[in-house]
PDB file of N, CA and C in Angstrom:
ATOM      1  N   UNK A   1      -7.579   5.542  -4.965  1.00  0.00           N
ATOM      2  CA  UNK A   1      -6.165   5.749  -4.979  1.00  0.00           C
ATOM      3  C   UNK A   1      -6.765   6.849  -4.042  1.00  0.00           C
ATOM      4  N   UNK A   2      -6.375   7.360  -3.078  1.00  0.00           N
ATOM      5  CA  UNK A   2      -5.828   8.629  -2.229  1.00  0.00           C
ATOM      6  C   UNK A   2      -5.883  10.087  -2.545  1.00  0.00           C
ATOM      7  N   UNK A   3      -7.082  10.972  -2.563  1.00  0.00           N
ATOM      8  CA  UNK A   3      -6.343  12.526  -2.794  1.00  0.00           C
ATOM      9  C   UNK A   3      -5.158  12.590  -2.254  1.00  0.00           C
ATOM     10  N   UNK A   4      -4.163  13.146  -2.617  1.00  0.00           N
ATOM     11  CA  UNK A   4      -2.768  13.281  -1.459  1.00  0.00           C
ATOM     12  C   UNK A   4      -2.740  15.376  -1.871  1.00  0.00           C
ATOM     13  N   UNK A   5      -2.776  16.097  -0.524  1.00  0.00           N
ATOM     14  CA  UNK A   5      -2.942  17.466  -0.614  1.00  0.00           C
ATOM     15  C   UNK A   5      -1.383  17.823  -0.483  1.00  0.00           C
ATOM     16  N   UNK A   6      -0.485  18.017  -1.458  1.00  0.00           N
ATOM     17  CA  UNK A   6       0.604  18.886  -1.141  1.00  0.00           C
ATOM     18  C   UNK A   6       0.939  19.816   0.240  1.00  0.00           C
ATOM     19  N   UNK A   7      -0.229  21.083  -0.503  1.00  0.00           N
ATOM     20  CA  UNK A   7      -0.283  22.276   0.733  1.00  0.00           C
ATOM     21  C   UNK A   7       0.773  22.692   0.573  1.00  0.00           C
ATOM     22  N   UNK A   8       1.848  22.583  -0.783  1.00  0.00           N
ATOM     23  CA  UNK A   8       3.153  23.484  -0.536  1.00  0.00           C
ATOM     24  C   UNK A   8       4.145  23.086  -0.369  1.00  0.00           C
ATOM     25  N   UNK A   9       3.746  22.240   1.047  1.00  0.00           N
ATOM     26  CA  UNK A   9       4.904  22.024   1.848  1.00  0.00           C
ATOM     27  C   UNK A   9       6.262  21.301   1.158  1.00  0.00           C
ATOM     28  N   UNK A  10       5.697  20.422   0.510  1.00  0.00           N
ATOM     29  CA  UNK A  10       6.549  19.071   0.064  1.00  0.00           C
ATOM     30  C   UNK A  10       7.232  19.867  -1.333  1.00  0.00           C
ATOM     31  N   UNK A  11       6.921  20.224  -1.815  1.00  0.00           N
ATOM     32  CA  UNK A  11       6.909  21.058  -3.092  1.00  0.00           C
ATOM     33  C   UNK A  11       6.228  23.061  -3.365  1.00  0.00           C
ATOM     34  N   UNK A  12       7.704  23.555  -3.605  1.00  0.00           N
ATOM     35  CA  UNK A  12       7.271  25.177  -3.681  1.00  0.00           C
ATOM     36  C   UNK A  12       6.277  25.127  -5.211  1.00  0.00           C
ATOM     37  N   UNK A  13       5.643  25.932  -4.995  1.00  0.00           N
ATOM     38  CA  UNK A  13       4.567  26.373  -6.201  1.00  0.00           C
ATOM     39  C   UNK A  13       5.403  26.409  -7.510  1.00  0.00           C
ATOM     40  N   UNK A  14       6.127  27.201  -7.488  1.00  0.00           N
ATOM     41  CA  UNK A  14       7.498  27.180  -9.078  1.00  0.00           C
ATOM     42  C   UNK A  14       7.573  25.874  -9.261  1.00  0.00           C
ATOM     43  N   UNK A  15       7.768  24.823  -8.507  1.00  0.00           N
ATOM     44  CA  UNK A  15       7.636  23.447  -9.066  1.00  0.00           C
ATOM     45  C   UNK A  15       6.759  22.944  -9.437  1.00  0.00           C
ATOM     46  N   UNK A  16       5.383  23.192  -8.535  1.00  0.00           N
ATOM     47  CA  UNK A  16       3.906  22.443  -8.653  1.00  0.00           C
ATOM     48  C   UNK A  16       3.815  23.150 -10.445  1.00  0.00           C
ATOM     49  N   UNK A  17       4.243  24.146 -10.295  1.00  0.00           N
ATOM     50  CA  UNK A  17       3.802  24.914 -12.009  1.00  0.00           C
ATOM     51  C   UNK A  17       4.448  24.483 -13.024  1.00  0.00           C
ATOM     52  N   UNK A  18       5.409  23.203 -12.817  1.00  0.00           N
ATOM     53  CA  UNK A  18       6.035  23.621 -13.999  1.00  0.00           C
ATOM     54  C   UNK A  18       5.668  21.940 -14.492  1.00  0.00           C
ATOM     55  N   UNK A  19       4.629  21.784 -15.469  1.00  0.00           N
ATOM     56  CA  UNK A  19       4.312  21.174 -15.570  1.00  0.00           C
ATOM     57  C   UNK A  19       4.884  19.647 -16.068  1.00  0.00           C
ATOM     58  N   UNK A  20       6.286  19.393 -16.595  1.00  0.00           N
ATOM     59  CA  UNK A  20       6.674  18.520 -16.741  1.00  0.00           C
ATOM     60  C   UNK A  20       7.474  17.998 -15.585  1.00  0.00           C
ATOM     61  N   UNK A  21       7.680  18.464 -14.114  1.00  0.00           N
ATOM     62  CA  UNK A  21       7.730  18.199 -13.114  1.00  0.00           C
ATOM     63  C   UNK A  21       7.102  17.104 -12.859  1.00  0.00           C
ATOM     64  N   UNK A  22       5.660  17.545 -12.995  1.00  0.00           N
ATOM     65  CA  UNK A  22       4.190  16.677 -12.400  1.00  0.00           C
ATOM     66  C   UNK A  22       4.839  15.548 -12.970  1.00  0.00           C
ATOM     67  N   UNK A  23       5.397  15.154 -13.872  1.00  0.00           N
ATOM     68  CA  UNK A  23       5.416  13.620 -14.371  1.00  0.00           C
ATOM     69  C   UNK A  23       6.252  13.049 -13.087  1.00  0.00           C
ATOM     70  N   UNK A  24       7.287  13.923 -12.956  1.00  0.00           N
ATOM     71  CA  UNK A  24       8.261  12.640 -12.098  1.00  0.00           C
ATOM     72  C   UNK A  24       7.710  13.090 -10.977  1.00  0.00           C
ATOM     73  N   UNK A  25       6.657  14.216 -10.168  1.00  0.00           N
ATOM     74  CA  UNK A  25       5.883  13.754  -9.083  1.00  0.00           C
ATOM     75  C   UNK A  25       5.170  12.609  -9.022  1.00  0.00           C
ATOM     76  N   UNK A  26       4.794  12.525 -10.103  1.00  0.00           N
ATOM     77  CA  UNK A  26       3.312  11.759 -10.611  1.00  0.00           C
ATOM     78  C   UNK A  26       4.080  10.056 -10.777  1.00  0.00           C
ATOM     79  N   UNK A  27       5.281  10.557 -11.404  1.00  0.00           N
ATOM     80  CA  UNK A  27       5.590   8.971 -11.506  1.00  0.00           C
ATOM     81  C   UNK A  27       6.154   8.472  -9.650  1.00  0.00           C
ATOM     82  N   UNK A  28       6.635   9.108  -9.086  1.00  0.00           N
ATOM     83  CA  UNK A  28       7.004   8.656  -7.892  1.00  0.00           C
ATOM     84  C   UNK A  28       6.265   8.296  -6.795  1.00  0.00           C
ATOM     85  N   UNK A  29       5.105   9.314  -6.886  1.00  0.00           N
ATOM     86  CA  UNK A  29       4.026   8.692  -6.217  1.00  0.00           C
ATOM     87  C   UNK A  29       3.434   7.702  -6.727  1.00  0.00           C
ATOM     88  N   UNK A  30       3.471   7.183  -7.728  1.00  0.00           N
ATOM     89  CA  UNK A  30       3.118   5.773  -8.182  1.00  0.00           C
ATOM     90  C   UNK A  30       4.495   4.632  -7.485  1.00  0.00           C
ATOM     91  N   UNK A  31       5.523   5.241  -7.220  1.00  0.00           N
ATOM     92  CA  UNK A  31       6.662   4.087  -7.351  1.00  0.00           C
ATOM     93  C   UNK A  31       6.160   4.087  -5.533  1.00  0.00           C
ATOM     94  N   UNK A  32       5.822   5.089  -5.086  1.00  0.00           N
ATOM     95  CA  UNK A  32       5.649   4.490  -3.594  1.00  0.00           C
ATOM     96  C   UNK A  32       4.314   3.873  -3.332  1.00  0.00           C
ATOM     97  N   UNK A  33       3.491   3.988  -4.426  1.00  0.00           N
ATOM     98  CA  UNK A  33       1.759   3.355  -3.661  1.00  0.00           C
ATOM     99  C   UNK A  33       2.098   1.756  -3.780  1.00  0.00           C
ATOM    100  N   UNK A  34       3.036   1.856  -4.873  1.00  0.00           N
ATOM    101  CA  UNK A  34       2.527   0.152  -5.812  1.00  0.00           C
ATOM    102  C   UNK A  34       3.571  -0.433  -4.675  1.00  0.00           C
ATOM    103  N   UNK A  35       4.837   0.437  -3.935  1.00  0.00           N
ATOM    104  CA  UNK A  35       5.797  -0.483  -2.906  1.00  0.00           C
ATOM    105  C   UNK A  35       4.861  -0.302  -2.139  1.00  0.00           C
ATOM    106  N   UNK A  36       3.841  -0.157  -1.153  1.00  0.00           N
ATOM    107  CA  UNK A  36       2.956   0.173   0.252  1.00  0.00           C
ATOM    108  C   UNK A  36       2.226  -1.485  -0.181  1.00  0.00           C
TER     109      UNK A  36
END
């Protein structure tokens, strides 16, 4: 699994600090990875 650095450009810090939002982000990342 490649390490992905968001650098705050894709998501604002407020979103990243929301734990529940991470579940959505990680789920999207998994879907993108599986699609490749």
